[in-house]
Protein backbone atom coordinates (compact mmCIF):
# COMPACT_ATOMS: atom_id res chain seq x y z
CA MET A 1 88.37 104.32 93.23
CA LEU A 2 88.19 101.30 90.97
CA VAL A 3 86.44 98.29 92.52
CA LEU A 4 87.02 94.89 90.94
CA GLY A 5 85.73 91.43 91.71
CA ARG A 6 88.39 88.71 91.56
CA LYS A 7 88.55 85.01 92.36
CA VAL A 8 91.40 83.15 94.04
CA GLY A 9 94.36 82.98 91.67
CA GLU A 10 93.20 85.89 89.54
CA ARG A 11 95.52 88.85 89.14
CA ILE A 12 95.38 92.60 88.75
CA LEU A 13 98.10 94.49 86.90
CA ILE A 14 99.06 97.98 88.05
CA GLY A 15 101.24 99.78 85.57
CA ASP A 16 103.90 97.67 83.88
CA ASP A 17 105.53 96.12 86.90
CA VAL A 18 103.10 95.62 89.82
CA VAL A 19 100.94 92.49 90.03
CA VAL A 20 98.35 91.87 92.76
CA THR A 21 97.16 88.27 93.08
CA VAL A 22 94.21 87.08 95.17
CA VAL A 23 95.72 84.32 97.33
CA SER A 24 92.72 83.34 99.46
CA VAL A 25 89.30 84.49 100.52
CA SER A 26 87.64 83.64 103.84
CA LYS A 27 84.87 84.99 106.02
CA ASP A 28 87.50 87.07 107.87
CA GLY A 29 89.07 88.74 104.86
CA VAL A 30 91.04 88.50 101.67
CA ARG A 31 94.74 87.67 101.37
CA VAL A 32 96.58 89.24 98.47
CA GLY A 33 100.09 88.78 97.14
CA ILE A 34 101.92 91.75 95.66
CA GLU A 35 104.78 91.47 93.19
CA ALA A 36 106.62 94.75 92.64
CA PRO A 37 110.15 96.01 92.02
CA ARG A 38 112.29 96.41 95.14
CA ASP A 39 112.22 100.21 94.84
CA VAL A 40 108.40 100.29 95.15
CA ARG A 41 107.46 100.76 98.79
CA ILE A 42 104.44 98.77 99.98
CA HIS A 43 102.96 99.53 103.41
CA ARG A 44 99.73 98.79 105.23
CA ALA A 45 97.83 102.08 105.48
CA GLU A 46 96.84 101.63 109.13
CA ILE A 47 100.50 101.22 110.13
CA VAL A 48 101.55 104.35 108.23
CA ASP A 49 98.69 106.28 109.86
CA GLN A 50 99.65 105.06 113.36
CA VAL A 51 103.33 105.95 112.90
CA ALA A 52 102.36 109.43 111.68
CA GLU A 53 100.08 109.90 114.70
CA ASP A 54 102.80 108.69 117.08
CA ASN A 55 105.27 111.11 115.50
CA ARG A 56 102.81 114.01 115.88
CA ALA A 57 102.23 113.12 119.53
CA ALA A 58 105.96 112.80 120.22
CA SER A 59 106.76 116.14 118.62
CA ALA A 60 104.06 117.83 120.72
CA THR A 61 105.80 116.89 123.98
CA ASP A 62 108.92 118.41 125.52
CA ALA A 63 111.26 115.45 125.00
CA GLY A 64 114.10 117.60 126.28
CA ALA A 65 112.40 117.74 129.70
CA ASP A 66 112.45 113.95 129.86
CA VAL A 67 116.15 113.86 129.06
CA ARG A 68 116.93 116.64 131.55
CA ALA A 69 114.96 114.81 134.25
CA LEU A 70 116.86 111.59 133.57
CA LEU A 71 120.16 113.45 133.83
CA GLY A 72 119.08 115.35 136.93
CA LEU A 73 119.46 118.70 135.17
CA ARG A 74 117.30 121.80 135.44
CA ARG A 75 116.11 123.84 132.51
CA ALA A 76 118.27 126.90 131.79
CA SER A 77 116.46 130.16 132.55
């Protein structure tokens, strides 16, 4: 991991077409702006992690049972 110190307004270039700019710094955190081509996906890591965990949890349950219960059906033997 590369760790850099930057001041407000300073920028970091990633490759040829991604620019990260320090927008503000406060006691609660740092705000950054990211300029990138539209085809570059940018996501907050904690959101991606939570969605992946939710998907794992959902796939571990018997969703079919929920649907059958809603429809008043019994599982085929």
